[in-house]
Amino acid sequence: MNPVCPNESNRDMSPEFVVAMAYVPWQQFGPLYDIEKGLMVGTIFPELDKPFLGRRAFRR
């Protein structure tokens, strides 16, 4: 039995699935949005202001 997910057995894990490694850089403190813009876009940090593109990962 899989201790992480009791409903899944180890034999269900395909060898094509590998463990991933993530890279998360440290956020550098810099200029901030003013309060009104921050409330409009959902963050006061300009580097975190990313457009939501739905299902696509790129703009057409």
PDB file of N, CA and C in Angstrom:
ATOM      1  N   MET A   1       0.849  -1.189   0.000  1.00  0.00           N
ATOM      2  CA  MET A   1       0.000   0.000   0.000  1.00  0.00           C
ATOM      3  C   MET A   1       0.888   1.244   0.000  1.00  0.00           C
ATOM      4  N   ASN A   2       0.486   2.267  -0.719  1.00  0.00           N
ATOM      5  CA  ASN A   2       1.233   3.525  -0.801  1.00  0.00           C
ATOM      6  C   ASN A   2       0.940   4.345   0.460  1.00  0.00           C
ATOM      7  N   PRO A   3       1.953   4.652   1.300  1.00  0.00           N
ATOM      8  CA  PRO A   3       1.694   5.392   2.549  1.00  0.00           C
ATOM      9  C   PRO A   3       1.276   6.840   2.320  1.00  0.00           C
ATOM     10  N   VAL A   4       1.623   7.410   1.172  1.00  0.00           N
ATOM     11  CA  VAL A   4       1.260   8.797   0.898  1.00  0.00           C
ATOM     12  C   VAL A   4      -0.188   8.896   0.448  1.00  0.00           C
ATOM     13  N   CYS A   5      -0.604   7.970  -0.383  1.00  0.00           N
ATOM     14  CA  CYS A   5      -1.980   7.953  -0.884  1.00  0.00           C
ATOM     15  C   CYS A   5      -2.503   6.531  -0.708  1.00  0.00           C
ATOM     16  N   PRO A   6      -3.189   6.245   0.393  1.00  0.00           N
ATOM     17  CA  PRO A   6      -3.585   4.881   0.715  1.00  0.00           C
ATOM     18  C   PRO A   6      -4.451   4.208  -0.345  1.00  0.00           C
ATOM     19  N   ASN A   7      -5.154   4.971  -1.178  1.00  0.00           N
ATOM     20  CA  ASN A   7      -6.026   4.387  -2.189  1.00  0.00           C
ATOM     21  C   ASN A   7      -5.277   3.987  -3.455  1.00  0.00           C
ATOM     22  N   GLU A   8      -4.012   4.298  -3.530  1.00  0.00           N
ATOM     23  CA  GLU A   8      -3.202   3.975  -4.702  1.00  0.00           C
ATOM     24  C   GLU A   8      -2.148   2.948  -4.316  1.00  0.00           C
ATOM     25  N   SER A   9      -1.931   1.990  -5.163  1.00  0.00           N
ATOM     26  CA  SER A   9      -0.868   1.025  -4.905  1.00  0.00           C
ATOM     27  C   SER A   9       0.385   1.447  -5.656  1.00  0.00           C
ATOM     28  N   ASN A  10       1.538   0.990  -5.205  1.00  0.00           N
ATOM     29  CA  ASN A  10       2.797   1.335  -5.850  1.00  0.00           C
ATOM     30  C   ASN A  10       2.877   0.821  -7.277  1.00  0.00           C
ATOM     31  N   ARG A  11       2.183  -0.268  -7.589  1.00  0.00           N
ATOM     32  CA  ARG A  11       2.264  -0.819  -8.927  1.00  0.00           C
ATOM     33  C   ARG A  11       1.567   0.070  -9.962  1.00  0.00           C
ATOM     34  N   ASP A  12       0.743   1.024  -9.511  1.00  0.00           N
ATOM     35  CA  ASP A  12       0.060   1.926 -10.435  1.00  0.00           C
ATOM     36  C   ASP A  12       0.961   3.059 -10.919  1.00  0.00           C
ATOM     37  N   MET A  13       2.119   3.219 -10.298  1.00  0.00           N
ATOM     38  CA  MET A  13       3.032   4.291 -10.692  1.00  0.00           C
ATOM     39  C   MET A  13       3.805   3.866 -11.931  1.00  0.00           C
ATOM     40  N   SER A  14       3.623   4.580 -12.999  1.00  0.00           N
ATOM     41  CA  SER A  14       4.312   4.284 -14.245  1.00  0.00           C
ATOM     42  C   SER A  14       5.753   4.766 -14.168  1.00  0.00           C
ATOM     43  N   PRO A  15       6.693   4.046 -14.769  1.00  0.00           N
ATOM     44  CA  PRO A  15       8.094   4.493 -14.741  1.00  0.00           C
ATOM     45  C   PRO A  15       8.329   5.783 -15.529  1.00  0.00           C
ATOM     46  N   GLU A  16       7.369   6.193 -16.340  1.00  0.00           N
ATOM     47  CA  GLU A  16       7.535   7.431 -17.104  1.00  0.00           C
ATOM     48  C   GLU A  16       7.366   8.681 -16.233  1.00  0.00           C
ATOM     49  N   PHE A  17       6.791   8.523 -15.045  1.00  0.00           N
ATOM     50  CA  PHE A  17       6.627   9.651 -14.142  1.00  0.00           C
ATOM     51  C   PHE A  17       7.855   9.752 -13.245  1.00  0.00           C
ATOM     52  N   VAL A  18       8.527  10.871 -13.291  1.00  0.00           N
ATOM     53  CA  VAL A  18       9.724  11.058 -12.480  1.00  0.00           C
ATOM     54  C   VAL A  18       9.477  12.147 -11.441  1.00  0.00           C
ATOM     55  N   VAL A  19      10.302  12.152 -10.422  1.00  0.00           N
ATOM     56  CA  VAL A  19      10.216  13.169  -9.388  1.00  0.00           C
ATOM     57  C   VAL A  19      10.685  14.495  -9.978  1.00  0.00           C
ATOM     58  N   ALA A  20       9.971  15.563  -9.714  1.00  0.00           N
ATOM     59  CA  ALA A  20      10.321  16.879 -10.245  1.00  0.00           C
ATOM     60  C   ALA A  20      11.135  17.670  -9.232  1.00  0.00           C
ATOM     61  N   MET A  21      11.908  18.603  -9.747  1.00  0.00           N
ATOM     62  CA  MET A  21      12.658  19.528  -8.898  1.00  0.00           C
ATOM     63  C   MET A  21      12.214  20.933  -9.255  1.00  0.00           C
ATOM     64  N   ALA A  22      11.879  21.713  -8.260  1.00  0.00           N
ATOM     65  CA  ALA A  22      11.411  23.077  -8.496  1.00  0.00           C
ATOM     66  C   ALA A  22      12.498  24.082  -8.133  1.00  0.00           C
ATOM     67  N   TYR A  23      12.492  25.186  -8.840  1.00  0.00           N
ATOM     68  CA  TYR A  23      13.396  26.289  -8.538  1.00  0.00           C
ATOM     69  C   TYR A  23      12.538  27.508  -8.236  1.00  0.00           C
ATOM     70  N   VAL A  24      12.671  28.036  -7.050  1.00  0.00           N
ATOM     71  CA  VAL A  24      11.917  29.224  -6.654  1.00  0.00           C
ATOM     72  C   VAL A  24      12.928  30.274  -6.213  1.00  0.00           C
ATOM     73  N   PRO A  25      13.137  31.307  -7.045  1.00  0.00           N
ATOM     74  CA  PRO A  25      14.137  32.320  -6.689  1.00  0.00           C
ATOM     75  C   PRO A  25      13.649  33.194  -5.532  1.00  0.00           C
ATOM     76  N   TRP A  26      14.590  33.766  -4.815  1.00  0.00           N
ATOM     77  CA  TRP A  26      14.258  34.711  -3.753  1.00  0.00           C
ATOM     78  C   TRP A  26      13.709  35.981  -4.379  1.00  0.00           C
ATOM     79  N   GLN A  27      12.648  36.508  -3.798  1.00  0.00           N
ATOM     80  CA  GLN A  27      12.078  37.760  -4.293  1.00  0.00           C
ATOM     81  C   GLN A  27      12.931  38.923  -3.805  1.00  0.00           C
ATOM     82  N   GLN A  28      13.301  39.783  -4.718  1.00  0.00           N
ATOM     83  CA  GLN A  28      14.071  40.979  -4.381  1.00  0.00           C
ATOM     84  C   GLN A  28      13.099  42.106  -4.055  1.00  0.00           C
ATOM     85  N   PHE A  29      13.354  42.823  -2.981  1.00  0.00           N
ATOM     86  CA  PHE A  29      12.493  43.933  -2.607  1.00  0.00           C
ATOM     87  C   PHE A  29      12.823  45.134  -3.481  1.00  0.00           C
ATOM     88  N   GLY A  30      11.825  45.693  -4.102  1.00  0.00           N
ATOM     89  CA  GLY A  30      12.036  46.830  -4.989  1.00  0.00           C
ATOM     90  C   GLY A  30      10.864  47.783  -4.909  1.00  0.00           C
ATOM     91  N   PRO A  31      10.649  48.565  -5.972  1.00  0.00           N
ATOM     92  CA  PRO A  31       9.540  49.514  -5.970  1.00  0.00           C
ATOM     93  C   PRO A  31       8.196  48.793  -5.876  1.00  0.00           C
ATOM     94  N   LEU A  32       7.247  49.451  -5.218  1.00  0.00           N
ATOM     95  CA  LEU A  32       5.916  48.880  -5.017  1.00  0.00           C
ATOM     96  C   LEU A  32       4.875  49.682  -5.780  1.00  0.00           C
ATOM     97  N   TYR A  33       3.764  49.009  -6.112  1.00  0.00           N
ATOM     98  CA  TYR A  33       2.617  49.724  -6.668  1.00  0.00           C
ATOM     99  C   TYR A  33       1.985  50.567  -5.566  1.00  0.00           C
ATOM    100  N   ASP A  34       1.320  51.638  -5.959  1.00  0.00           N
ATOM    101  CA  ASP A  34       0.555  52.376  -4.962  1.00  0.00           C
ATOM    102  C   ASP A  34      -0.667  51.537  -4.586  1.00  0.00           C
ATOM    103  N   ILE A  35      -1.337  51.907  -3.512  1.00  0.00           N
ATOM    104  CA  ILE A  35      -2.409  51.080  -2.947  1.00  0.00           C
ATOM    105  C   ILE A  35      -3.555  50.851  -3.929  1.00  0.00           C
ATOM    106  N   GLU A  36      -3.935  51.866  -4.705  1.00  0.00           N
ATOM    107  CA  GLU A  36      -5.051  51.718  -5.641  1.00  0.00           C
ATOM    108  C   GLU A  36      -4.716  50.709  -6.740  1.00  0.00           C
ATOM    109  N   LYS A  37      -3.531  50.826  -7.327  1.00  0.00           N
ATOM    110  CA  LYS A  37      -3.134  49.884  -8.376  1.00  0.00           C
ATOM    111  C   LYS A  37      -2.975  48.489  -7.792  1.00  0.00           C
ATOM    112  N   GLY A  38      -2.394  48.387  -6.605  1.00  0.00           N
ATOM    113  CA  GLY A  38      -2.241  47.090  -5.954  1.00  0.00           C
ATOM    114  C   GLY A  38      -3.573  46.391  -5.741  1.00  0.00           C
ATOM    115  N   LEU A  39      -4.586  47.137  -5.342  1.00  0.00           N
ATOM    116  CA  LEU A  39      -5.915  46.551  -5.163  1.00  0.00           C
ATOM    117  C   LEU A  39      -6.524  46.136  -6.500  1.00  0.00           C
ATOM    118  N   MET A  40      -6.243  46.876  -7.555  1.00  0.00           N
ATOM    119  CA  MET A  40      -6.790  46.541  -8.879  1.00  0.00           C
ATOM    120  C   MET A  40      -6.162  45.270  -9.449  1.00  0.00           C
ATOM    121  N   VAL A  41      -4.852  45.098  -9.276  1.00  0.00           N
ATOM    122  CA  VAL A  41      -4.177  43.955  -9.891  1.00  0.00           C
ATOM    123  C   VAL A  41      -3.969  42.792  -8.932  1.00  0.00           C
ATOM    124  N   GLY A  42      -4.184  42.972  -7.628  1.00  0.00           N
ATOM    125  CA  GLY A  42      -4.098  41.885  -6.666  1.00  0.00           C
ATOM    126  C   GLY A  42      -2.746  41.712  -6.007  1.00  0.00           C
ATOM    127  N   THR A  43      -1.820  42.629  -6.241  1.00  0.00           N
ATOM    128  CA  THR A  43      -0.509  42.566  -5.594  1.00  0.00           C
ATOM    129  C   THR A  43       0.109  43.955  -5.586  1.00  0.00           C
ATOM    130  N   ILE A  44       0.968  44.209  -4.601  1.00  0.00           N
ATOM    131  CA  ILE A  44       1.686  45.481  -4.592  1.00  0.00           C
ATOM    132  C   ILE A  44       3.071  45.335  -5.207  1.00  0.00           C
ATOM    133  N   PHE A  45       3.427  44.101  -5.593  1.00  0.00           N
ATOM    134  CA  PHE A  45       4.738  43.829  -6.165  1.00  0.00           C
ATOM    135  C   PHE A  45       4.645  43.733  -7.689  1.00  0.00           C
ATOM    136  N   PRO A  46       5.222  44.677  -8.422  1.00  0.00           N
ATOM    137  CA  PRO A  46       5.128  44.650  -9.896  1.00  0.00           C
ATOM    138  C   PRO A  46       5.645  43.356 -10.518  1.00  0.00           C
ATOM    139  N   GLU A  47       6.684  42.748  -9.937  1.00  0.00           N
ATOM    140  CA  GLU A  47       7.226  41.516 -10.527  1.00  0.00           C
ATOM    141  C   GLU A  47       6.287  40.323 -10.371  1.00  0.00           C
ATOM    142  N   LEU A  48       5.286  40.427  -9.497  1.00  0.00           N
ATOM    143  CA  LEU A  48       4.295  39.357  -9.342  1.00  0.00           C
ATOM    144  C   LEU A  48       3.020  39.630 -10.133  1.00  0.00           C
ATOM    145  N   ASP A  49       2.950  40.758 -10.808  1.00  0.00           N
ATOM    146  CA  ASP A  49       1.777  41.129 -11.601  1.00  0.00           C
ATOM    147  C   ASP A  49       1.873  40.437 -12.961  1.00  0.00           C
ATOM    148  N   LYS A  50       1.335  39.233 -13.045  1.00  0.00           N
ATOM    149  CA  LYS A  50       1.368  38.440 -14.268  1.00  0.00           C
ATOM    150  C   LYS A  50      -0.046  38.312 -14.809  1.00  0.00           C
ATOM    151  N   PRO A  51      -0.222  38.480 -16.105  1.00  0.00           N
ATOM    152  CA  PRO A  51      -1.564  38.355 -16.674  1.00  0.00           C
ATOM    153  C   PRO A  51      -2.045  36.911 -16.650  1.00  0.00           C
ATOM    154  N   PHE A  52      -3.330  36.712 -16.408  1.00  0.00           N
ATOM    155  CA  PHE A  52      -3.924  35.379 -16.473  1.00  0.00           C
ATOM    156  C   PHE A  52      -4.297  35.114 -17.916  1.00  0.00           C
ATOM    157  N   LEU A  53      -3.760  34.035 -18.467  1.00  0.00           N
ATOM    158  CA  LEU A  53      -3.979  33.736 -19.885  1.00  0.00           C
ATOM    159  C   LEU A  53      -4.906  32.546 -20.088  1.00  0.00           C
ATOM    160  N   GLY A  54      -5.578  32.101 -19.046  1.00  0.00           N
ATOM    161  CA  GLY A  54      -6.490  30.972 -19.195  1.00  0.00           C
ATOM    162  C   GLY A  54      -5.737  29.681 -19.416  1.00  0.00           C
ATOM    163  N   ARG A  55      -6.147  28.930 -20.398  1.00  0.00           N
ATOM    164  CA  ARG A  55      -5.540  27.623 -20.663  1.00  0.00           C
ATOM    165  C   ARG A  55      -4.237  27.735 -21.438  1.00  0.00           C
ATOM    166  N   ARG A  56      -4.047  28.811 -22.170  1.00  0.00           N
ATOM    167  CA  ARG A  56      -2.826  28.967 -22.963  1.00  0.00           C
ATOM    168  C   ARG A  56      -1.697  29.474 -22.099  1.00  0.00           C
ATOM    169  N   ALA A  57      -0.511  29.096 -22.420  1.00  0.00           N
ATOM    170  CA  ALA A  57       0.656  29.567 -21.696  1.00  0.00           C
ATOM    171  C   ALA A  57       1.380  30.686 -22.450  1.00  0.00           C
ATOM    172  N   PHE A  58       0.803  31.138 -23.541  1.00  0.00           N
ATOM    173  CA  PHE A  58       1.427  32.192 -24.337  1.00  0.00           C
ATOM    174  C   PHE A  58       0.342  33.029 -24.997  1.00  0.00           C
ATOM    175  N   ARG A  59       0.710  34.204 -25.398  1.00  0.00           N
ATOM    176  CA  ARG A  59      -0.233  35.084 -26.088  1.00  0.00           C
ATOM    177  C   ARG A  59      -0.189  34.802 -27.583  1.00  0.00           C
ATOM    178  N   ARG A  60      -1.302  34.950 -28.245  1.00  0.00           N
ATOM    179  CA  ARG A  60      -1.344  34.765 -29.698  1.00  0.00           C
ATOM    180  C   ARG A  60      -1.133  36.060 -30.408  1.00  0.00           C
TER     181      ARG A  60
END
